[in-house]
Amino acid sequence: MIKQQYIKDEFLFIEYDNGASVKVPFETEPKEVIPELPKNPLLELKKENKELKQQLEQCQQSIVELTALANTVTVPKV
């Protein structure tokens, strides 16, 4: 079991109940910042394609409805 842990002179000291001790370098900030992984472009394109198909279907349905409405309206002849 760990008896004591403390930081001194940029090192982390760990002392154990059995008398053993460990000294390791301690850093307050990581050496390297790992950048965010890029999104899967193929998956993103598939999602966008699905959304565009849904929008197209809605537009086509609206065109059919408007065409049907236009056919029911009579224009007076002058």
PDB file of N, CA and C in Angstrom:
ATOM      1  N   MET A   1       0.833  -1.178   0.000  1.00  0.00           N
ATOM      2  CA  MET A   1       0.000   0.000   0.000  1.00  0.00           C
ATOM      3  C   MET A   1       0.882   1.247   0.000  1.00  0.00           C
ATOM      4  N   ILE A   2       0.331   2.308  -0.537  1.00  0.00           N
ATOM      5  CA  ILE A   2       1.059   3.572  -0.585  1.00  0.00           C
ATOM      6  C   ILE A   2       0.964   4.240   0.785  1.00  0.00           C
ATOM      7  N   LYS A   3       2.115   4.601   1.289  1.00  0.00           N
ATOM      8  CA  LYS A   3       2.182   5.268   2.588  1.00  0.00           C
ATOM      9  C   LYS A   3       2.076   6.779   2.422  1.00  0.00           C
ATOM     10  N   GLN A   4       2.830   7.305   1.435  1.00  0.00           N
ATOM     11  CA  GLN A   4       2.866   8.752   1.258  1.00  0.00           C
ATOM     12  C   GLN A   4       3.226   9.091  -0.184  1.00  0.00           C
ATOM     13  N   GLN A   5       2.631  10.167  -0.689  1.00  0.00           N
ATOM     14  CA  GLN A   5       2.970  10.708  -2.006  1.00  0.00           C
ATOM     15  C   GLN A   5       3.193  12.205  -1.853  1.00  0.00           C
ATOM     16  N   TYR A   6       4.236  12.710  -2.508  1.00  0.00           N
ATOM     17  CA  TYR A   6       4.476  14.145  -2.470  1.00  0.00           C
ATOM     18  C   TYR A   6       5.310  14.552  -3.676  1.00  0.00           C
ATOM     19  N   ILE A   7       5.232  15.846  -3.998  1.00  0.00           N
ATOM     20  CA  ILE A   7       5.981  16.402  -5.127  1.00  0.00           C
ATOM     21  C   ILE A   7       7.091  17.278  -4.557  1.00  0.00           C
ATOM     22  N   LYS A   8       8.303  17.065  -5.073  1.00  0.00           N
ATOM     23  CA  LYS A   8       9.449  17.857  -4.624  1.00  0.00           C
ATOM     24  C   LYS A   8      10.421  17.989  -5.783  1.00  0.00           C
ATOM     25  N   ASP A   9      10.805  19.229  -6.095  1.00  0.00           N
ATOM     26  CA  ASP A   9      11.784  19.490  -7.158  1.00  0.00           C
ATOM     27  C   ASP A   9      11.386  18.838  -8.480  1.00  0.00           C
ATOM     28  N   GLU A  10      10.138  19.013  -8.869  1.00  0.00           N
ATOM     29  CA  GLU A  10       9.613  18.489 -10.135  1.00  0.00           C
ATOM     30  C   GLU A  10       9.650  16.968 -10.232  1.00  0.00           C
ATOM     31  N   PHE A  11       9.628  16.290  -9.086  1.00  0.00           N
ATOM     32  CA  PHE A  11       9.554  14.835  -9.053  1.00  0.00           C
ATOM     33  C   PHE A  11       8.395  14.423  -8.160  1.00  0.00           C
ATOM     34  N   LEU A  12       7.781  13.313  -8.514  1.00  0.00           N
ATOM     35  CA  LEU A  12       6.742  12.721  -7.690  1.00  0.00           C
ATOM     36  C   LEU A  12       7.390  11.600  -6.892  1.00  0.00           C
ATOM     37  N   PHE A  13       7.311  11.694  -5.578  1.00  0.00           N
ATOM     38  CA  PHE A  13       7.868  10.671  -4.701  1.00  0.00           C
ATOM     39  C   PHE A  13       6.720   9.838  -4.152  1.00  0.00           C
ATOM     40  N   ILE A  14       6.863   8.526  -4.246  1.00  0.00           N
ATOM     41  CA  ILE A  14       5.859   7.609  -3.713  1.00  0.00           C
ATOM     42  C   ILE A  14       6.577   6.691  -2.734  1.00  0.00           C
ATOM     43  N   GLU A  15       6.114   6.685  -1.490  1.00  0.00           N
ATOM     44  CA  GLU A  15       6.687   5.808  -0.474  1.00  0.00           C
ATOM     45  C   GLU A  15       5.647   4.763  -0.104  1.00  0.00           C
ATOM     46  N   TYR A  16       6.088   3.522   0.004  1.00  0.00           N
ATOM     47  CA  TYR A  16       5.198   2.411   0.310  1.00  0.00           C
ATOM     48  C   TYR A  16       5.396   1.948   1.748  1.00  0.00           C
ATOM     49  N   ASP A  17       4.402   1.239   2.265  1.00  0.00           N
ATOM     50  CA  ASP A  17       4.452   0.731   3.639  1.00  0.00           C
ATOM     51  C   ASP A  17       5.628  -0.209   3.866  1.00  0.00           C
ATOM     52  N   ASN A  18       6.024  -0.948   2.841  1.00  0.00           N
ATOM     53  CA  ASN A  18       7.103  -1.922   3.003  1.00  0.00           C
ATOM     54  C   ASN A  18       8.491  -1.279   2.946  1.00  0.00           C
ATOM     55  N   GLY A  19       8.550   0.057   2.829  1.00  0.00           N
ATOM     56  CA  GLY A  19       9.824   0.758   2.831  1.00  0.00           C
ATOM     57  C   GLY A  19      10.333   1.121   1.449  1.00  0.00           C
ATOM     58  N   ALA A  20       9.749   0.578   0.418  1.00  0.00           N
ATOM     59  CA  ALA A  20      10.175   0.896  -0.945  1.00  0.00           C
ATOM     60  C   ALA A  20       9.729   2.310  -1.294  1.00  0.00           C
ATOM     61  N   SER A  21      10.462   2.942  -2.204  1.00  0.00           N
ATOM     62  CA  SER A  21      10.075   4.274  -2.660  1.00  0.00           C
ATOM     63  C   SER A  21      10.380   4.407  -4.143  1.00  0.00           C
ATOM     64  N   VAL A  22       9.626   5.282  -4.790  1.00  0.00           N
ATOM     65  CA  VAL A  22       9.774   5.503  -6.221  1.00  0.00           C
ATOM     66  C   VAL A  22       9.852   7.007  -6.443  1.00  0.00           C
ATOM     67  N   LYS A  23      10.743   7.403  -7.344  1.00  0.00           N
ATOM     68  CA  LYS A  23      10.893   8.815  -7.710  1.00  0.00           C
ATOM     69  C   LYS A  23      10.731   8.900  -9.223  1.00  0.00           C
ATOM     70  N   VAL A  24       9.705   9.641  -9.665  1.00  0.00           N
ATOM     71  CA  VAL A  24       9.455   9.771 -11.101  1.00  0.00           C
ATOM     72  C   VAL A  24       9.299  11.246 -11.448  1.00  0.00           C
ATOM     73  N   PRO A  25       9.712  11.629 -12.653  1.00  0.00           N
ATOM     74  CA  PRO A  25       9.528  13.034 -13.059  1.00  0.00           C
ATOM     75  C   PRO A  25       8.044  13.386 -13.060  1.00  0.00           C
ATOM     76  N   PHE A  26       7.742  14.568 -12.591  1.00  0.00           N
ATOM     77  CA  PHE A  26       6.358  15.024 -12.522  1.00  0.00           C
ATOM     78  C   PHE A  26       6.207  16.257 -13.398  1.00  0.00           C
ATOM     79  N   GLU A  27       5.216  16.229 -14.267  1.00  0.00           N
ATOM     80  CA  GLU A  27       4.936  17.364 -15.134  1.00  0.00           C
ATOM     81  C   GLU A  27       3.524  17.831 -14.861  1.00  0.00           C
ATOM     82  N   THR A  28       3.360  19.128 -14.801  1.00  0.00           N
ATOM     83  CA  THR A  28       2.019  19.660 -14.574  1.00  0.00           C
ATOM     84  C   THR A  28       1.231  19.762 -15.871  1.00  0.00           C
ATOM     85  N   GLU A  29       1.925  19.813 -16.997  1.00  0.00           N
ATOM     86  CA  GLU A  29       1.260  19.892 -18.295  1.00  0.00           C
ATOM     87  C   GLU A  29       1.777  18.773 -19.186  1.00  0.00           C
ATOM     88  N   PRO A  30       0.930  18.246 -20.038  1.00  0.00           N
ATOM     89  CA  PRO A  30       1.397  17.177 -20.930  1.00  0.00           C
ATOM     90  C   PRO A  30       2.438  17.692 -21.923  1.00  0.00           C
ATOM     91  N   LYS A  31       3.334  16.807 -22.306  1.00  0.00           N
ATOM     92  CA  LYS A  31       4.364  17.175 -23.283  1.00  0.00           C
ATOM     93  C   LYS A  31       3.745  17.464 -24.643  1.00  0.00           C
ATOM     94  N   GLU A  32       2.761  16.682 -25.002  1.00  0.00           N
ATOM     95  CA  GLU A  32       2.184  16.787 -26.343  1.00  0.00           C
ATOM     96  C   GLU A  32       0.671  16.762 -26.240  1.00  0.00           C
ATOM     97  N   VAL A  33       0.046  17.694 -26.893  1.00  0.00           N
ATOM     98  CA  VAL A  33      -1.409  17.716 -26.922  1.00  0.00           C
ATOM     99  C   VAL A  33      -1.856  16.891 -28.117  1.00  0.00           C
ATOM    100  N   ILE A  34      -2.689  15.909 -27.857  1.00  0.00           N
ATOM    101  CA  ILE A  34      -3.173  15.042 -28.931  1.00  0.00           C
ATOM    102  C   ILE A  34      -4.327  15.757 -29.628  1.00  0.00           C
ATOM    103  N   PRO A  35      -4.200  16.003 -30.927  1.00  0.00           N
ATOM    104  CA  PRO A  35      -5.277  16.700 -31.636  1.00  0.00           C
ATOM    105  C   PRO A  35      -6.519  15.816 -31.748  1.00  0.00           C
ATOM    106  N   GLU A  36      -7.647  16.473 -31.914  1.00  0.00           N
ATOM    107  CA  GLU A  36      -8.898  15.732 -32.090  1.00  0.00           C
ATOM    108  C   GLU A  36      -8.820  14.941 -33.387  1.00  0.00           C
ATOM    109  N   LEU A  37      -9.246  13.707 -33.299  1.00  0.00           N
ATOM    110  CA  LEU A  37      -9.213  12.859 -34.491  1.00  0.00           C
ATOM    111  C   LEU A  37     -10.208  13.383 -35.522  1.00  0.00           C
ATOM    112  N   PRO A  38      -9.842  13.330 -36.792  1.00  0.00           N
ATOM    113  CA  PRO A  38     -10.779  13.794 -37.818  1.00  0.00           C
ATOM    114  C   PRO A  38     -11.977  12.856 -37.901  1.00  0.00           C
ATOM    115  N   LYS A  39     -13.104  13.437 -38.221  1.00  0.00           N
ATOM    116  CA  LYS A  39     -14.303  12.619 -38.376  1.00  0.00           C
ATOM    117  C   LYS A  39     -14.151  11.756 -39.615  1.00  0.00           C
ATOM    118  N   ASN A  40     -14.866  10.662 -39.612  1.00  0.00           N
ATOM    119  CA  ASN A  40     -14.838   9.750 -40.747  1.00  0.00           C
ATOM    120  C   ASN A  40     -15.549  10.434 -41.920  1.00  0.00           C
ATOM    121  N   PRO A  41     -14.795  10.858 -42.947  1.00  0.00           N
ATOM    122  CA  PRO A  41     -15.431  11.611 -44.038  1.00  0.00           C
ATOM    123  C   PRO A  41     -16.476  10.797 -44.792  1.00  0.00           C
ATOM    124  N   LEU A  42     -16.259   9.510 -44.948  1.00  0.00           N
ATOM    125  CA  LEU A  42     -17.228   8.681 -45.665  1.00  0.00           C
ATOM    126  C   LEU A  42     -18.542   8.609 -44.893  1.00  0.00           C
ATOM    127  N   LEU A  43     -18.443   8.442 -43.589  1.00  0.00           N
ATOM    128  CA  LEU A  43     -19.641   8.385 -42.758  1.00  0.00           C
ATOM    129  C   LEU A  43     -20.381   9.723 -42.788  1.00  0.00           C
ATOM    130  N   GLU A  44     -19.623  10.817 -42.739  1.00  0.00           N
ATOM    131  CA  GLU A  44     -20.236  12.142 -42.803  1.00  0.00           C
ATOM    132  C   GLU A  44     -20.958  12.345 -44.137  1.00  0.00           C
ATOM    133  N   LEU A  45     -20.349  11.895 -45.228  1.00  0.00           N
ATOM    134  CA  LEU A  45     -20.977  12.034 -46.544  1.00  0.00           C
ATOM    135  C   LEU A  45     -22.239  11.181 -46.643  1.00  0.00           C
ATOM    136  N   LYS A  46     -22.219   9.993 -46.053  1.00  0.00           N
ATOM    137  CA  LYS A  46     -23.413   9.138 -46.068  1.00  0.00           C
ATOM    138  C   LYS A  46     -24.561   9.809 -45.318  1.00  0.00           C
ATOM    139  N   LYS A  47     -24.243  10.426 -44.169  1.00  0.00           N
ATOM    140  CA  LYS A  47     -25.280  11.126 -43.403  1.00  0.00           C
ATOM    141  C   LYS A  47     -25.841  12.299 -44.206  1.00  0.00           C
ATOM    142  N   GLU A  48     -24.940  13.063 -44.813  1.00  0.00           N
ATOM    143  CA  GLU A  48     -25.374  14.215 -45.607  1.00  0.00           C
ATOM    144  C   GLU A  48     -26.225  13.763 -46.789  1.00  0.00           C
ATOM    145  N   ASN A  49     -25.830  12.664 -47.429  1.00  0.00           N
ATOM    146  CA  ASN A  49     -26.577  12.123 -48.565  1.00  0.00           C
ATOM    147  C   ASN A  49     -27.986  11.715 -48.136  1.00  0.00           C
ATOM    148  N   LYS A  50     -28.093  11.084 -46.980  1.00  0.00           N
ATOM    149  CA  LYS A  50     -29.401  10.660 -46.479  1.00  0.00           C
ATOM    150  C   LYS A  50     -30.295  11.877 -46.221  1.00  0.00           C
ATOM    151  N   GLU A  51     -29.712  12.920 -45.611  1.00  0.00           N
ATOM    152  CA  GLU A  51     -30.477  14.139 -45.341  1.00  0.00           C
ATOM    153  C   GLU A  51     -30.923  14.807 -46.642  1.00  0.00           C
ATOM    154  N   LEU A  52     -30.050  14.842 -47.631  1.00  0.00           N
ATOM    155  CA  LEU A  52     -30.399  15.463 -48.909  1.00  0.00           C
ATOM    156  C   LEU A  52     -31.481  14.673 -49.635  1.00  0.00           C
ATOM    157  N   LYS A  53     -31.446  13.346 -49.535  1.00  0.00           N
ATOM    158  CA  LYS A  53     -32.502  12.523 -50.147  1.00  0.00           C
ATOM    159  C   LYS A  53     -33.852  12.840 -49.516  1.00  0.00           C
ATOM    160  N   GLN A  54     -33.866  13.002 -48.178  1.00  0.00           N
ATOM    161  CA  GLN A  54     -35.117  13.327 -47.499  1.00  0.00           C
ATOM    162  C   GLN A  54     -35.633  14.698 -47.938  1.00  0.00           C
ATOM    163  N   GLN A  55     -34.728  15.663 -48.069  1.00  0.00           N
ATOM    164  CA  GLN A  55     -35.137  16.993 -48.526  1.00  0.00           C
ATOM    165  C   GLN A  55     -35.682  16.940 -49.946  1.00  0.00           C
ATOM    166  N   LEU A  56     -35.045  16.152 -50.804  1.00  0.00           N
ATOM    167  CA  LEU A  56     -35.501  16.016 -52.188  1.00  0.00           C
ATOM    168  C   LEU A  56     -36.898  15.408 -52.236  1.00  0.00           C
ATOM    169  N   GLU A  57     -37.129  14.373 -51.433  1.00  0.00           N
ATOM    170  CA  GLU A  57     -38.451  13.745 -51.401  1.00  0.00           C
ATOM    171  C   GLU A  57     -39.516  14.746 -50.950  1.00  0.00           C
ATOM    172  N   GLN A  58     -39.180  15.567 -49.945  1.00  0.00           N
ATOM    173  CA  GLN A  58     -40.135  16.572 -49.472  1.00  0.00           C
ATOM    174  C   GLN A  58     -40.421  17.609 -50.552  1.00  0.00           C
ATOM    175  N   CYS A  59     -39.402  18.029 -51.265  1.00  0.00           N
ATOM    176  CA  CYS A  59     -39.584  19.010 -52.345  1.00  0.00           C
ATOM    177  C   CYS A  59     -40.429  18.432 -53.473  1.00  0.00           C
ATOM    178  N   GLN A  60     -40.151  17.180 -53.831  1.00  0.00           N
ATOM    179  CA  GLN A  60     -40.923  16.542 -54.900  1.00  0.00           C
ATOM    180  C   GLN A  60     -42.387  16.415 -54.497  1.00  0.00           C
ATOM    181  N   GLN A  61     -42.648  16.075 -53.244  1.00  0.00           N
ATOM    182  CA  GLN A  61     -44.026  15.962 -52.770  1.00  0.00           C
ATOM    183  C   GLN A  61     -44.708  17.328 -52.806  1.00  0.00           C
ATOM    184  N   SER A  62     -43.980  18.366 -52.427  1.00  0.00           N
ATOM    185  CA  SER A  62     -44.549  19.723 -52.467  1.00  0.00           C
ATOM    186  C   SER A  62     -44.880  20.134 -53.895  1.00  0.00           C
ATOM    187  N   ILE A  63     -44.024  19.782 -54.847  1.00  0.00           N
ATOM    188  CA  ILE A  63     -44.269  20.108 -56.259  1.00  0.00           C
ATOM    189  C   ILE A  63     -45.528  19.403 -56.748  1.00  0.00           C
ATOM    190  N   VAL A  64     -45.690  18.135 -56.382  1.00  0.00           N
ATOM    191  CA  VAL A  64     -46.884  17.383 -56.786  1.00  0.00           C
ATOM    192  C   VAL A  64     -48.133  18.050 -56.215  1.00  0.00           C
ATOM    193  N   GLU A  65     -48.081  18.430 -54.945  1.00  0.00           N
ATOM    194  CA  GLU A  65     -49.242  19.064 -54.310  1.00  0.00           C
ATOM    195  C   GLU A  65     -49.552  20.419 -54.954  1.00  0.00           C
ATOM    196  N   LEU A  66     -48.520  21.213 -55.221  1.00  0.00           N
ATOM    197  CA  LEU A  66     -48.752  22.518 -55.845  1.00  0.00           C
ATOM    198  C   LEU A  66     -49.267  22.380 -57.273  1.00  0.00           C
ATOM    199  N   THR A  67     -48.781  21.385 -58.004  1.00  0.00           N
ATOM    200  CA  THR A  67     -49.259  21.150 -59.368  1.00  0.00           C
ATOM    201  C   THR A  67     -50.731  20.746 -59.350  1.00  0.00           C
ATOM    202  N   ALA A  68     -51.102  19.893 -58.411  1.00  0.00           N
ATOM    203  CA  ALA A  68     -52.502  19.478 -58.290  1.00  0.00           C
ATOM    204  C   ALA A  68     -53.377  20.674 -57.936  1.00  0.00           C
ATOM    205  N   LEU A  69     -52.884  21.535 -57.064  1.00  0.00           N
ATOM    206  CA  LEU A  69     -53.638  22.725 -56.692  1.00  0.00           C
ATOM    207  C   LEU A  69     -53.776  23.678 -57.879  1.00  0.00           C
ATOM    208  N   ALA A  70     -52.707  23.834 -58.639  1.00  0.00           N
ATOM    209  CA  ALA A  70     -52.740  24.730 -59.803  1.00  0.00           C
ATOM    210  C   ALA A  70     -53.717  24.216 -60.849  1.00  0.00           C
ATOM    211  N   ASN A  71     -53.849  22.919 -60.978  1.00  0.00           N
ATOM    212  CA  ASN A  71     -54.766  22.348 -61.967  1.00  0.00           C
ATOM    213  C   ASN A  71     -56.225  22.553 -61.570  1.00  0.00           C
ATOM    214  N   THR A  72     -56.487  22.772 -60.303  1.00  0.00           N
ATOM    215  CA  THR A  72     -57.876  22.966 -59.866  1.00  0.00           C
ATOM    216  C   THR A  72     -58.322  24.418 -59.977  1.00  0.00           C
ATOM    217  N   VAL A  73     -57.372  25.313 -60.099  1.00  0.00           N
ATOM    218  CA  VAL A  73     -57.711  26.741 -60.187  1.00  0.00           C
ATOM    219  C   VAL A  73     -58.053  27.069 -61.637  1.00  0.00           C
ATOM    220  N   THR A  74     -59.178  27.726 -61.816  1.00  0.00           N
ATOM    221  CA  THR A  74     -59.560  28.134 -63.177  1.00  0.00           C
ATOM    222  C   THR A  74     -59.233  29.606 -63.366  1.00  0.00           C
ATOM    223  N   VAL A  75     -58.666  29.888 -64.486  1.00  0.00           N
ATOM    224  CA  VAL A  75     -58.311  31.270 -64.808  1.00  0.00           C
ATOM    225  C   VAL A  75     -59.411  31.823 -65.713  1.00  0.00           C
ATOM    226  N   PRO A  76     -60.019  32.943 -65.321  1.00  0.00           N
ATOM    227  CA  PRO A  76     -61.086  33.503 -66.173  1.00  0.00           C
ATOM    228  C   PRO A  76     -60.514  33.994 -67.494  1.00  0.00           C
ATOM    229  N   LYS A  77     -61.249  33.705 -68.556  1.00  0.00           N
ATOM    230  CA  LYS A  77     -60.816  34.151 -69.884  1.00  0.00           C
ATOM    231  C   LYS A  77     -61.316  35.563 -70.098  1.00  0.00           C
ATOM    232  N   VAL A  78     -60.479  36.379 -70.635  1.00  0.00           N
ATOM    233  CA  VAL A  78     -60.844  37.778 -70.857  1.00  0.00           C
ATOM    234  C   VAL A  78     -61.279  37.996 -72.274  1.00  0.00           C
TER     235      VAL A  78
END
